[in-house]
Amino acid sequence: MRTVFVFPAGDRAETVASLDRHLPEQRDPWTLDGDLYIDIDDEQTGHLFSDWEPEDVAILEAAVGHHPTWAVQIDISGRIDGTTEVHQMIALLLDHGSVATDDYTGRPWTLPEILSGAVIDGRRFFDFRGRRELNRERGRS
């Protein structure tokens, strides 16, 4: 599984209501075509930031403007590419702003950066292909 964290602007209840509208009759987790598994994670009752480096949390805080206490976690099945589906969910969740992070780039991304395919430090958002290629070049699997 690959993972993306989305830190939507607005409150948690708004985000839950939006997910309920777009992915009805499901929750814990919501799913998109059985390939994306979407849930809310938080610091108080969940595992948000438990395996993050402190400097990565600080970079996120600077991008968001505060310390977020919850996020939408999207796990993407390895059975699919997932880029289109992830972009679809990101567009829904970040329609009012804020940022998302992925497993591959170590930085927060805005919706315009993601949807435009912006390349920053040689990578795009959710650039698992680029990471795979870099690992091959370095002799890793």
N, C-alpha and C. Protein backbone atom coordinates (compact mmCIF):
# COMPACT_ATOMS: atom_id res chain seq x y z
N MET A 1 0.84 -1.19 0.00
CA MET A 1 0.00 0.00 0.00
C MET A 1 0.88 1.24 0.00
N ARG A 2 0.41 2.23 -0.73
CA ARG A 2 1.02 3.54 -0.71
C ARG A 2 0.06 4.46 0.04
N THR A 3 0.59 5.50 0.67
CA THR A 3 -0.25 6.35 1.52
C THR A 3 -0.08 7.82 1.17
N VAL A 4 -1.20 8.52 1.21
CA VAL A 4 -1.25 9.97 1.05
C VAL A 4 -2.01 10.52 2.25
N PHE A 5 -1.52 11.59 2.83
CA PHE A 5 -2.24 12.29 3.90
C PHE A 5 -2.72 13.63 3.35
N VAL A 6 -3.98 13.93 3.60
CA VAL A 6 -4.58 15.19 3.15
C VAL A 6 -4.99 15.97 4.40
N PHE A 7 -4.63 17.24 4.42
CA PHE A 7 -4.92 18.13 5.54
C PHE A 7 -5.86 19.22 5.05
N PRO A 8 -7.16 18.91 4.94
CA PRO A 8 -8.11 19.87 4.37
C PRO A 8 -8.28 21.12 5.23
N ALA A 9 -8.53 22.26 4.56
CA ALA A 9 -8.94 23.46 5.28
C ALA A 9 -10.36 23.20 5.78
N GLY A 10 -10.75 23.85 6.82
CA GLY A 10 -12.09 23.63 7.36
C GLY A 10 -12.04 22.61 8.48
N ASP A 11 -13.22 22.29 8.97
CA ASP A 11 -13.23 21.39 10.12
C ASP A 11 -13.48 19.94 9.70
N ARG A 12 -13.24 19.09 10.64
CA ARG A 12 -13.34 17.64 10.42
C ARG A 12 -14.75 17.23 10.01
N ALA A 13 -15.76 17.81 10.67
CA ALA A 13 -17.15 17.45 10.37
C ALA A 13 -17.51 17.77 8.91
N GLU A 14 -17.01 18.90 8.40
CA GLU A 14 -17.24 19.24 6.98
C GLU A 14 -16.63 18.20 6.05
N THR A 15 -15.44 17.77 6.38
CA THR A 15 -14.75 16.77 5.55
C THR A 15 -15.48 15.44 5.59
N VAL A 16 -15.90 15.02 6.76
CA VAL A 16 -16.66 13.77 6.89
C VAL A 16 -17.95 13.86 6.09
N ALA A 17 -18.65 14.98 6.19
CA ALA A 17 -19.90 15.15 5.44
C ALA A 17 -19.64 15.09 3.93
N SER A 18 -18.57 15.68 3.48
CA SER A 18 -18.22 15.66 2.06
C SER A 18 -17.91 14.22 1.62
N LEU A 19 -17.15 13.50 2.39
CA LEU A 19 -16.86 12.10 2.05
C LEU A 19 -18.14 11.27 2.04
N ASP A 20 -19.01 11.51 3.01
CA ASP A 20 -20.29 10.79 3.04
C ASP A 20 -21.14 11.07 1.80
N ARG A 21 -21.13 12.32 1.33
CA ARG A 21 -21.88 12.67 0.13
C ARG A 21 -21.32 12.01 -1.13
N HIS A 22 -19.99 12.01 -1.24
CA HIS A 22 -19.35 11.51 -2.46
C HIS A 22 -19.12 10.00 -2.45
N LEU A 23 -19.07 9.42 -1.29
CA LEU A 23 -18.88 7.97 -1.15
C LEU A 23 -19.94 7.45 -0.18
N PRO A 24 -21.21 7.47 -0.61
CA PRO A 24 -22.32 7.19 0.30
C PRO A 24 -22.37 5.73 0.78
N GLU A 25 -23.07 5.58 1.89
CA GLU A 25 -23.38 4.27 2.48
C GLU A 25 -22.14 3.48 2.84
N GLN A 26 -21.10 4.17 3.28
CA GLN A 26 -19.89 3.50 3.75
C GLN A 26 -19.14 4.43 4.69
N ARG A 27 -18.30 3.88 5.45
CA ARG A 27 -17.40 4.65 6.32
C ARG A 27 -16.58 3.65 7.12
N ASP A 28 -15.44 4.10 7.59
CA ASP A 28 -14.54 3.27 8.42
C ASP A 28 -14.06 2.03 7.72
N PRO A 29 -13.45 2.07 6.60
CA PRO A 29 -13.13 3.24 5.80
C PRO A 29 -14.14 3.47 4.68
N TRP A 30 -14.04 4.65 4.08
CA TRP A 30 -14.70 4.89 2.81
C TRP A 30 -13.80 4.22 1.77
N THR A 31 -14.37 3.80 0.66
CA THR A 31 -13.53 3.25 -0.40
C THR A 31 -13.94 3.86 -1.73
N LEU A 32 -12.98 3.94 -2.62
CA LEU A 32 -13.24 4.38 -3.98
C LEU A 32 -12.89 3.20 -4.88
N ASP A 33 -13.91 2.58 -5.43
CA ASP A 33 -13.76 1.45 -6.34
C ASP A 33 -12.96 0.30 -5.75
N GLY A 34 -12.91 0.19 -4.43
CA GLY A 34 -12.17 -0.89 -3.80
C GLY A 34 -10.67 -0.77 -3.94
N ASP A 35 -10.19 0.38 -4.41
CA ASP A 35 -8.76 0.57 -4.63
C ASP A 35 -8.15 1.65 -3.74
N LEU A 36 -8.96 2.59 -3.29
CA LEU A 36 -8.52 3.60 -2.34
C LEU A 36 -9.30 3.38 -1.05
N TYR A 37 -8.60 3.37 0.04
CA TYR A 37 -9.20 3.20 1.35
C TYR A 37 -8.97 4.48 2.11
N ILE A 38 -10.05 5.16 2.49
CA ILE A 38 -9.99 6.53 2.99
C ILE A 38 -10.53 6.56 4.41
N ASP A 39 -9.76 7.13 5.32
CA ASP A 39 -10.18 7.21 6.71
C ASP A 39 -9.64 8.50 7.32
N ILE A 40 -10.15 8.84 8.49
CA ILE A 40 -9.66 10.00 9.22
C ILE A 40 -8.70 9.48 10.30
N ASP A 41 -7.55 10.09 10.40
CA ASP A 41 -6.60 9.75 11.45
C ASP A 41 -6.37 11.00 12.28
N ASP A 42 -6.11 10.82 13.56
CA ASP A 42 -5.83 11.97 14.41
C ASP A 42 -4.78 11.61 15.45
N GLU A 43 -4.27 12.62 16.10
CA GLU A 43 -3.23 12.41 17.11
C GLU A 43 -3.79 11.84 18.40
N GLN A 44 -4.98 12.26 18.78
CA GLN A 44 -5.52 11.90 20.09
C GLN A 44 -5.90 10.42 20.17
N THR A 45 -6.62 9.92 19.16
CA THR A 45 -7.09 8.53 19.24
C THR A 45 -6.47 7.63 18.17
N GLY A 46 -5.71 8.20 17.27
CA GLY A 46 -5.13 7.43 16.18
C GLY A 46 -3.62 7.41 16.22
N HIS A 47 -3.04 7.39 15.03
CA HIS A 47 -1.59 7.26 14.91
C HIS A 47 -0.95 8.39 14.10
N LEU A 48 -1.70 9.45 13.86
CA LEU A 48 -1.18 10.54 13.04
C LEU A 48 0.13 11.06 13.62
N PHE A 49 1.13 11.17 12.79
CA PHE A 49 2.48 11.67 13.09
C PHE A 49 3.31 10.70 13.93
N SER A 50 2.80 9.52 14.27
CA SER A 50 3.55 8.61 15.14
C SER A 50 4.86 8.14 14.50
N ASP A 51 4.90 8.08 13.18
CA ASP A 51 6.14 7.65 12.53
C ASP A 51 6.75 8.74 11.65
N TRP A 52 6.36 9.99 11.89
CA TRP A 52 6.91 11.13 11.15
C TRP A 52 8.14 11.65 11.88
N GLU A 53 9.09 12.13 11.11
CA GLU A 53 10.26 12.82 11.68
C GLU A 53 9.80 14.21 12.15
N PRO A 54 10.34 14.70 13.27
CA PRO A 54 9.95 16.02 13.77
C PRO A 54 10.11 17.14 12.73
N GLU A 55 11.15 17.07 11.91
CA GLU A 55 11.35 18.12 10.90
C GLU A 55 10.27 18.07 9.83
N ASP A 56 9.74 16.88 9.52
CA ASP A 56 8.65 16.77 8.55
C ASP A 56 7.36 17.37 9.11
N VAL A 57 7.12 17.17 10.40
CA VAL A 57 5.96 17.80 11.04
C VAL A 57 6.11 19.31 11.04
N ALA A 58 7.31 19.80 11.30
CA ALA A 58 7.56 21.25 11.30
C ALA A 58 7.34 21.85 9.91
N ILE A 59 7.77 21.15 8.87
CA ILE A 59 7.55 21.63 7.50
C ILE A 59 6.05 21.69 7.20
N LEU A 60 5.32 20.66 7.62
CA LEU A 60 3.86 20.64 7.43
C LEU A 60 3.21 21.80 8.18
N GLU A 61 3.59 22.00 9.42
CA GLU A 61 3.03 23.10 10.22
C GLU A 61 3.25 24.45 9.54
N ALA A 62 4.43 24.65 8.98
CA ALA A 62 4.71 25.90 8.28
C ALA A 62 3.82 26.06 7.05
N ALA A 63 3.57 24.96 6.34
CA ALA A 63 2.73 25.03 5.14
C ALA A 63 1.26 25.27 5.48
N VAL A 64 0.79 24.68 6.57
CA VAL A 64 -0.62 24.79 6.96
C VAL A 64 -0.86 26.06 7.77
N GLY A 65 0.15 26.51 8.51
CA GLY A 65 0.01 27.70 9.35
C GLY A 65 -0.35 27.38 10.79
N HIS A 66 -0.45 26.09 11.12
CA HIS A 66 -0.70 25.64 12.49
C HIS A 66 -0.39 24.14 12.56
N HIS A 67 -0.47 23.60 13.76
CA HIS A 67 -0.25 22.17 13.93
C HIS A 67 -1.58 21.44 13.72
N PRO A 68 -1.72 20.69 12.61
CA PRO A 68 -2.97 19.96 12.39
C PRO A 68 -3.08 18.78 13.35
N THR A 69 -4.27 18.54 13.83
CA THR A 69 -4.48 17.43 14.77
C THR A 69 -5.19 16.25 14.13
N TRP A 70 -5.63 16.40 12.86
CA TRP A 70 -6.27 15.30 12.15
C TRP A 70 -5.96 15.42 10.66
N ALA A 71 -6.14 14.32 9.96
CA ALA A 71 -5.90 14.29 8.52
C ALA A 71 -6.75 13.19 7.90
N VAL A 72 -6.95 13.29 6.61
CA VAL A 72 -7.55 12.21 5.85
C VAL A 72 -6.40 11.35 5.34
N GLN A 73 -6.45 10.07 5.69
CA GLN A 73 -5.43 9.14 5.23
C GLN A 73 -6.01 8.33 4.08
N ILE A 74 -5.30 8.33 2.95
CA ILE A 74 -5.72 7.57 1.79
C ILE A 74 -4.67 6.50 1.53
N ASP A 75 -5.08 5.24 1.63
CA ASP A 75 -4.19 4.13 1.30
C ASP A 75 -4.57 3.64 -0.09
N ILE A 76 -3.57 3.47 -0.93
CA ILE A 76 -3.79 3.14 -2.34
C ILE A 76 -3.29 1.73 -2.60
N SER A 77 -4.17 0.89 -3.13
CA SER A 77 -3.83 -0.48 -3.44
C SER A 77 -2.70 -0.54 -4.46
N GLY A 78 -1.83 -1.50 -4.29
CA GLY A 78 -0.76 -1.73 -5.25
C GLY A 78 -1.25 -2.37 -6.54
N ARG A 79 -2.53 -2.77 -6.58
CA ARG A 79 -3.10 -3.40 -7.78
C ARG A 79 -3.31 -2.41 -8.91
N ILE A 80 -3.32 -1.12 -8.56
CA ILE A 80 -3.60 -0.09 -9.57
C ILE A 80 -2.52 0.97 -9.56
N ASP A 81 -2.44 1.74 -10.63
CA ASP A 81 -1.56 2.90 -10.67
C ASP A 81 -2.01 3.88 -9.59
N GLY A 82 -3.27 4.25 -9.58
CA GLY A 82 -3.85 5.08 -8.53
C GLY A 82 -3.71 6.58 -8.71
N THR A 83 -2.93 7.03 -9.67
CA THR A 83 -2.69 8.47 -9.81
C THR A 83 -3.99 9.22 -10.09
N THR A 84 -4.79 8.75 -11.02
CA THR A 84 -6.05 9.43 -11.35
C THR A 84 -6.98 9.44 -10.16
N GLU A 85 -7.10 8.31 -9.48
CA GLU A 85 -8.00 8.22 -8.33
C GLU A 85 -7.54 9.11 -7.18
N VAL A 86 -6.24 9.14 -6.92
CA VAL A 86 -5.71 9.99 -5.86
C VAL A 86 -5.96 11.46 -6.19
N HIS A 87 -5.71 11.85 -7.44
CA HIS A 87 -5.96 13.24 -7.85
C HIS A 87 -7.44 13.59 -7.68
N GLN A 88 -8.33 12.66 -8.00
CA GLN A 88 -9.77 12.89 -7.83
C GLN A 88 -10.11 13.16 -6.37
N MET A 89 -9.57 12.36 -5.45
CA MET A 89 -9.86 12.56 -4.03
C MET A 89 -9.20 13.83 -3.50
N ILE A 90 -7.99 14.11 -3.95
CA ILE A 90 -7.30 15.33 -3.51
C ILE A 90 -8.10 16.56 -3.94
N ALA A 91 -8.60 16.55 -5.18
CA ALA A 91 -9.39 17.69 -5.67
C ALA A 91 -10.63 17.89 -4.80
N LEU A 92 -11.26 16.82 -4.41
CA LEU A 92 -12.44 16.91 -3.54
C LEU A 92 -12.07 17.46 -2.16
N LEU A 93 -11.02 16.93 -1.58
CA LEU A 93 -10.67 17.25 -0.20
C LEU A 93 -9.97 18.60 -0.03
N LEU A 94 -9.28 19.06 -1.06
CA LEU A 94 -8.56 20.33 -0.95
C LEU A 94 -9.25 21.45 -1.72
N ASP A 95 -10.54 21.30 -1.99
CA ASP A 95 -11.22 22.34 -2.77
C ASP A 95 -11.28 23.68 -2.05
N HIS A 96 -11.07 23.69 -0.73
CA HIS A 96 -11.03 24.95 0.02
C HIS A 96 -9.62 25.30 0.48
N GLY A 97 -8.63 24.55 0.02
CA GLY A 97 -7.26 24.87 0.35
C GLY A 97 -6.59 23.86 1.27
N SER A 98 -5.37 24.19 1.65
CA SER A 98 -4.46 23.44 2.50
C SER A 98 -3.57 22.54 1.66
N VAL A 99 -3.08 21.42 2.20
CA VAL A 99 -2.04 20.65 1.53
C VAL A 99 -2.25 19.15 1.71
N ALA A 100 -1.48 18.39 0.91
CA ALA A 100 -1.42 16.94 1.02
C ALA A 100 0.05 16.53 1.01
N THR A 101 0.34 15.38 1.59
CA THR A 101 1.69 14.82 1.56
C THR A 101 1.61 13.40 1.00
N ASP A 102 2.75 12.90 0.54
CA ASP A 102 2.79 11.54 0.01
C ASP A 102 4.01 10.81 0.55
N ASP A 103 4.13 9.55 0.19
CA ASP A 103 5.25 8.72 0.66
C ASP A 103 6.56 8.99 -0.08
N TYR A 104 6.52 9.77 -1.14
CA TYR A 104 7.64 9.81 -2.06
C TYR A 104 8.44 11.10 -2.09
N THR A 105 7.85 12.20 -1.67
CA THR A 105 8.54 13.47 -1.87
C THR A 105 8.92 14.18 -0.58
N GLY A 106 8.28 13.89 0.53
CA GLY A 106 8.65 14.50 1.79
C GLY A 106 8.35 15.98 1.90
N ARG A 107 7.33 16.44 1.18
CA ARG A 107 6.97 17.85 1.26
C ARG A 107 5.46 17.99 1.13
N PRO A 108 4.88 19.08 1.66
CA PRO A 108 3.46 19.36 1.46
C PRO A 108 3.22 19.93 0.06
N TRP A 109 2.12 19.52 -0.55
CA TRP A 109 1.74 19.95 -1.89
C TRP A 109 0.37 20.62 -1.86
N THR A 110 0.24 21.72 -2.60
CA THR A 110 -1.06 22.38 -2.74
C THR A 110 -1.83 21.73 -3.90
N LEU A 111 -3.11 21.96 -3.94
CA LEU A 111 -3.93 21.42 -5.03
C LEU A 111 -3.45 21.91 -6.40
N PRO A 112 -3.18 23.21 -6.59
CA PRO A 112 -2.69 23.64 -7.91
C PRO A 112 -1.38 22.95 -8.32
N GLU A 113 -0.48 22.75 -7.37
CA GLU A 113 0.77 22.05 -7.69
C GLU A 113 0.49 20.61 -8.13
N ILE A 114 -0.39 19.95 -7.41
CA ILE A 114 -0.70 18.55 -7.71
C ILE A 114 -1.36 18.42 -9.08
N LEU A 115 -2.41 19.19 -9.30
CA LEU A 115 -3.18 19.04 -10.54
C LEU A 115 -2.42 19.52 -11.77
N SER A 116 -1.48 20.46 -11.60
CA SER A 116 -0.70 20.93 -12.74
C SER A 116 0.44 19.99 -13.09
N GLY A 117 0.72 19.03 -12.20
CA GLY A 117 1.85 18.15 -12.45
C GLY A 117 3.18 18.82 -12.18
N ALA A 118 3.17 19.83 -11.32
CA ALA A 118 4.40 20.57 -11.01
C ALA A 118 5.52 19.63 -10.59
N VAL A 119 6.72 19.95 -11.03
CA VAL A 119 7.91 19.19 -10.65
C VAL A 119 8.71 20.07 -9.70
N ILE A 120 8.91 19.58 -8.49
CA ILE A 120 9.66 20.31 -7.47
C ILE A 120 10.75 19.37 -6.96
N ASP A 121 11.97 19.84 -6.99
CA ASP A 121 13.13 19.02 -6.61
C ASP A 121 13.16 17.71 -7.40
N GLY A 122 12.76 17.80 -8.68
CA GLY A 122 12.83 16.64 -9.56
C GLY A 122 11.71 15.64 -9.44
N ARG A 123 10.69 15.96 -8.64
CA ARG A 123 9.59 15.02 -8.42
C ARG A 123 8.23 15.69 -8.54
N ARG A 124 7.25 14.87 -8.89
CA ARG A 124 5.84 15.27 -8.85
C ARG A 124 5.20 14.67 -7.61
N PHE A 125 4.01 15.15 -7.28
CA PHE A 125 3.24 14.55 -6.19
C PHE A 125 2.91 13.10 -6.54
N PHE A 126 2.98 12.21 -5.56
CA PHE A 126 2.65 10.79 -5.71
C PHE A 126 3.51 10.16 -6.81
N ASP A 127 4.79 10.49 -6.79
CA ASP A 127 5.72 10.08 -7.85
C ASP A 127 6.36 8.73 -7.51
N PHE A 128 5.53 7.70 -7.38
CA PHE A 128 6.06 6.38 -7.05
C PHE A 128 6.92 5.82 -8.18
N ARG A 129 6.60 6.19 -9.42
CA ARG A 129 7.42 5.71 -10.55
C ARG A 129 8.83 6.30 -10.47
N GLY A 130 8.92 7.59 -10.18
CA GLY A 130 10.22 8.23 -10.04
C GLY A 130 11.02 7.64 -8.90
N ARG A 131 10.37 7.35 -7.79
CA ARG A 131 11.05 6.74 -6.64
C ARG A 131 11.55 5.35 -7.01
N ARG A 132 10.69 4.58 -7.71
CA ARG A 132 11.06 3.23 -8.12
C ARG A 132 12.30 3.27 -9.02
N GLU A 133 12.29 4.21 -9.97
CA GLU A 133 13.41 4.35 -10.89
C GLU A 133 14.69 4.75 -10.15
N LEU A 134 14.58 5.68 -9.21
CA LEU A 134 15.72 6.10 -8.43
C LEU A 134 16.28 4.94 -7.63
N ASN A 135 15.40 4.14 -7.04
CA ASN A 135 15.86 2.96 -6.29
C ASN A 135 16.57 1.96 -7.20
N ARG A 136 16.06 1.78 -8.42
CA ARG A 136 16.72 0.88 -9.37
C ARG A 136 18.13 1.38 -9.68
N GLU A 137 18.24 2.70 -9.91
CA GLU A 137 19.54 3.29 -10.22
C GLU A 137 20.53 3.11 -9.06
N ARG A 138 19.99 3.12 -7.84
CA ARG A 138 20.85 2.97 -6.65
C ARG A 138 21.05 1.51 -6.27
N GLY A 139 20.41 0.58 -7.04
CA GLY A 139 20.58 -0.84 -6.76
C GLY A 139 19.70 -1.37 -5.66
N ARG A 140 18.60 -0.66 -5.37
CA ARG A 140 17.64 -1.11 -4.34
C ARG A 140 16.39 -1.61 -5.04
N SER A 141 15.63 -2.42 -4.33
CA SER A 141 14.35 -2.88 -4.91
C SER A 141 13.20 -2.05 -4.43
